[in-house]
């Protein structure tokens, strides 16, 4: 059974940093993984993705501030979030493309506020 468990959310200050992690219960070295977020009252949106080869893609709103990375040996995905803004407040979820299906974690809440 594929399980994804996110961690690292919480309260961040504007201009501050947080680091999210997503641990997968299966080897994900050949798969694309990504971070998505859903703010209150809004639809879920893509934040960043990373392929098995290490190619990355970012939403325009986070380019230059967020960095997606992965530790293949640990089957863990990371999202380093710098220069946080109140608009980054959302539930962040990771996704794994595995055997033709999409698997999602339950999400971790990030709140950016003074």
C-alpha atoms as a PDB file:
ATOM      1  CA  UNK A   1       0.000   0.000   0.000  1.00  0.00           C
ATOM      2  CA  UNK A   2       1.365   3.379  -1.005  1.00  0.00           C
ATOM      3  CA  UNK A   3       1.407   5.934   1.780  1.00  0.00           C
ATOM      4  CA  UNK A   4       2.731   9.482   1.808  1.00  0.00           C
ATOM      5  CA  UNK A   5       3.288  11.317   5.065  1.00  0.00           C
ATOM      6  CA  UNK A   6       4.020  15.028   5.125  1.00  0.00           C
ATOM      7  CA  UNK A   7       5.714  16.886   7.953  1.00  0.00           C
ATOM      8  CA  UNK A   8       7.169  20.294   8.687  1.00  0.00           C
ATOM      9  CA  UNK A   9       4.171  22.565   8.461  1.00  0.00           C
ATOM     10  CA  UNK A  10       3.312  25.132  11.061  1.00  0.00           C
ATOM     11  CA  UNK A  11       3.470  28.836  11.653  1.00  0.00           C
ATOM     12  CA  UNK A  12       5.975  30.855   9.670  1.00  0.00           C
ATOM     13  CA  UNK A  13       6.631  34.564   9.722  1.00  0.00           C
ATOM     14  CA  UNK A  14       6.599  36.745   6.629  1.00  0.00           C
ATOM     15  CA  UNK A  15      10.093  36.665   5.193  1.00  0.00           C
ATOM     16  CA  UNK A  16      10.884  33.509   7.119  1.00  0.00           C
ATOM     17  CA  UNK A  17      11.488  29.923   6.086  1.00  0.00           C
ATOM     18  CA  UNK A  18       9.958  26.503   6.544  1.00  0.00           C
ATOM     19  CA  UNK A  19      10.955  23.095   5.225  1.00  0.00           C
ATOM     20  CA  UNK A  20       8.405  20.445   4.374  1.00  0.00           C
ATOM     21  CA  UNK A  21       9.087  16.755   3.920  1.00  0.00           C
ATOM     22  CA  UNK A  22       7.083  13.907   2.432  1.00  0.00           C
ATOM     23  CA  UNK A  23       8.057  10.331   3.161  1.00  0.00           C
ATOM     24  CA  UNK A  24       6.857   7.643   0.749  1.00  0.00           C
ATOM     25  CA  UNK A  25       6.292   4.038   1.774  1.00  0.00           C
ATOM     26  CA  UNK A  26       7.548   2.790  -1.589  1.00  0.00           C
ATOM     27  CA  UNK A  27      10.633   3.397  -3.650  1.00  0.00           C
ATOM     28  CA  UNK A  28       9.995   6.456  -5.753  1.00  0.00           C
ATOM     29  CA  UNK A  29      13.251   6.737  -7.657  1.00  0.00           C
ATOM     30  CA  UNK A  30      11.604   6.290 -11.051  1.00  0.00           C
ATOM     31  CA  UNK A  31       8.620   8.484 -10.405  1.00  0.00           C
ATOM     32  CA  UNK A  32       7.640  12.099 -10.602  1.00  0.00           C
ATOM     33  CA  UNK A  33       6.689  13.681  -7.322  1.00  0.00           C
ATOM     34  CA  UNK A  34       5.228  17.060  -6.564  1.00  0.00           C
ATOM     35  CA  UNK A  35       3.933  19.527  -4.022  1.00  0.00           C
ATOM     36  CA  UNK A  36       0.514  21.088  -4.294  1.00  0.00           C
ATOM     37  CA  UNK A  37      -1.336  23.496  -2.053  1.00  0.00           C
ATOM     38  CA  UNK A  38      -4.880  24.562  -1.354  1.00  0.00           C
ATOM     39  CA  UNK A  39      -5.599  27.865   0.294  1.00  0.00           C
ATOM     40  CA  UNK A  40      -8.896  28.494   2.107  1.00  0.00           C
ATOM     41  CA  UNK A  41     -11.683  29.013  -0.397  1.00  0.00           C
ATOM     42  CA  UNK A  42      -9.447  28.284  -3.379  1.00  0.00           C
ATOM     43  CA  UNK A  43      -8.759  25.357  -5.665  1.00  0.00           C
ATOM     44  CA  UNK A  44      -5.710  23.189  -5.248  1.00  0.00           C
ATOM     45  CA  UNK A  45      -2.760  24.397  -7.274  1.00  0.00           C
ATOM     46  CA  UNK A  46       0.593  23.034  -8.287  1.00  0.00           C
ATOM     47  CA  UNK A  47       3.575  24.355  -6.357  1.00  0.00           C
ATOM     48  CA  UNK A  48       6.478  22.351  -7.772  1.00  0.00           C
ATOM     49  CA  UNK A  49       7.327  19.004  -9.327  1.00  0.00           C
ATOM     50  CA  UNK A  50      10.487  16.977  -9.728  1.00  0.00           C
ATOM     51  CA  UNK A  51      11.111  14.087 -12.092  1.00  0.00           C
ATOM     52  CA  UNK A  52      13.196  11.001 -11.519  1.00  0.00           C
ATOM     53  CA  UNK A  53      15.948  12.694 -13.474  1.00  0.00           C
ATOM     54  CA  UNK A  54      15.863  15.730 -11.241  1.00  0.00           C
ATOM     55  CA  UNK A  55      14.127  18.137 -13.600  1.00  0.00           C
ATOM     56  CA  UNK A  56      12.040  20.650 -11.697  1.00  0.00           C
ATOM     57  CA  UNK A  57       9.063  22.825 -12.447  1.00  0.00           C
ATOM     58  CA  UNK A  58       7.674  25.651 -10.310  1.00  0.00           C
ATOM     59  CA  UNK A  59       4.598  27.787 -10.175  1.00  0.00           C
ATOM     60  CA  UNK A  60       5.404  31.374 -11.068  1.00  0.00           C
ATOM     61  CA  UNK A  61       4.281  32.507  -7.628  1.00  0.00           C
ATOM     62  CA  UNK A  62       7.034  30.526  -5.873  1.00  0.00           C
ATOM     63  CA  UNK A  63       9.913  30.710  -8.359  1.00  0.00           C
ATOM     64  CA  UNK A  64      13.073  31.958  -6.705  1.00  0.00           C
ATOM     65  CA  UNK A  65      11.639  31.390  -3.222  1.00  0.00           C
ATOM     66  CA  UNK A  66      10.849  27.664  -3.014  1.00  0.00           C
ATOM     67  CA  UNK A  67      13.100  24.722  -3.842  1.00  0.00           C
ATOM     68  CA  UNK A  68      11.916  21.169  -4.397  1.00  0.00           C
ATOM     69  CA  UNK A  69      14.344  18.304  -3.870  1.00  0.00           C
ATOM     70  CA  UNK A  70      14.327  14.610  -3.155  1.00  0.00           C
ATOM     71  CA  UNK A  71      16.417  11.995  -1.369  1.00  0.00           C
ATOM     72  CA  UNK A  72      15.884   8.931  -3.505  1.00  0.00           C
ATOM     73  CA  UNK A  73      17.551   6.578  -1.028  1.00  0.00           C
ATOM     74  CA  UNK A  74      15.113   7.700   1.658  1.00  0.00           C
ATOM     75  CA  UNK A  75      12.129   7.985  -0.706  1.00  0.00           C
ATOM     76  CA  UNK A  76      11.593  11.441   0.718  1.00  0.00           C
ATOM     77  CA  UNK A  77      10.547  14.633  -1.006  1.00  0.00           C
ATOM     78  CA  UNK A  78      11.336  18.081   0.363  1.00  0.00           C
ATOM     79  CA  UNK A  79      10.145  21.625  -0.161  1.00  0.00           C
ATOM     80  CA  UNK A  80      12.345  24.417   1.143  1.00  0.00           C
ATOM     81  CA  UNK A  81      10.247  27.552   1.429  1.00  0.00           C
ATOM     82  CA  UNK A  82      12.041  30.857   1.848  1.00  0.00           C
ATOM     83  CA  UNK A  83      10.843  34.448   1.852  1.00  0.00           C
ATOM     84  CA  UNK A  84       7.436  33.303   2.987  1.00  0.00           C
ATOM     85  CA  UNK A  85       4.454  35.500   2.244  1.00  0.00           C
ATOM     86  CA  UNK A  86       0.986  35.512   3.804  1.00  0.00           C
ATOM     87  CA  UNK A  87      -0.328  34.313   0.426  1.00  0.00           C
ATOM     88  CA  UNK A  88       1.608  31.078   0.945  1.00  0.00           C
ATOM     89  CA  UNK A  89      -0.827  30.089   3.690  1.00  0.00           C
ATOM     90  CA  UNK A  90      -2.386  26.792   2.615  1.00  0.00           C
ATOM     91  CA  UNK A  91      -2.513  23.066   3.166  1.00  0.00           C
ATOM     92  CA  UNK A  92       0.459  21.572   1.345  1.00  0.00           C
ATOM     93  CA  UNK A  93       0.185  18.042  -0.006  1.00  0.00           C
ATOM     94  CA  UNK A  94       2.625  15.825  -1.836  1.00  0.00           C
ATOM     95  CA  UNK A  95       1.749  13.636  -4.772  1.00  0.00           C
ATOM     96  CA  UNK A  96       3.419  10.549  -6.180  1.00  0.00           C
ATOM     97  CA  UNK A  97       2.802   9.146  -9.643  1.00  0.00           C
ATOM     98  CA  UNK A  98       3.136   5.394  -9.081  1.00  0.00           C
ATOM     99  CA  UNK A  99       2.162   2.546 -11.378  1.00  0.00           C
ATOM    100  CA  UNK A 100      -0.183   4.711 -13.353  1.00  0.00           C
ATOM    101  CA  UNK A 101      -1.996   6.135 -10.338  1.00  0.00           C
ATOM    102  CA  UNK A 102      -1.730   9.319  -8.328  1.00  0.00           C
ATOM    103  CA  UNK A 103      -1.248   8.979  -4.587  1.00  0.00           C
ATOM    104  CA  UNK A 104      -1.682  11.885  -2.186  1.00  0.00           C
ATOM    105  CA  UNK A 105      -0.630  12.593   1.345  1.00  0.00           C
ATOM    106  CA  UNK A 106      -3.083  14.015   3.855  1.00  0.00           C
ATOM    107  CA  UNK A 107      -1.364  17.384   3.809  1.00  0.00           C
ATOM    108  CA  UNK A 108       0.300  19.696   6.273  1.00  0.00           C
ATOM    109  CA  UNK A 109      -0.923  23.185   7.139  1.00  0.00           C
ATOM    110  CA  UNK A 110       1.367  26.138   6.597  1.00  0.00           C
ATOM    111  CA  UNK A 111       0.283  29.447   8.078  1.00  0.00           C
ATOM    112  CA  UNK A 112       2.264  32.584   7.370  1.00  0.00           C
ATOM    113  CA  UNK A 113       1.462  35.353   9.779  1.00  0.00           C
ATOM    114  CA  UNK A 114       3.052  37.733  12.247  1.00  0.00           C
END
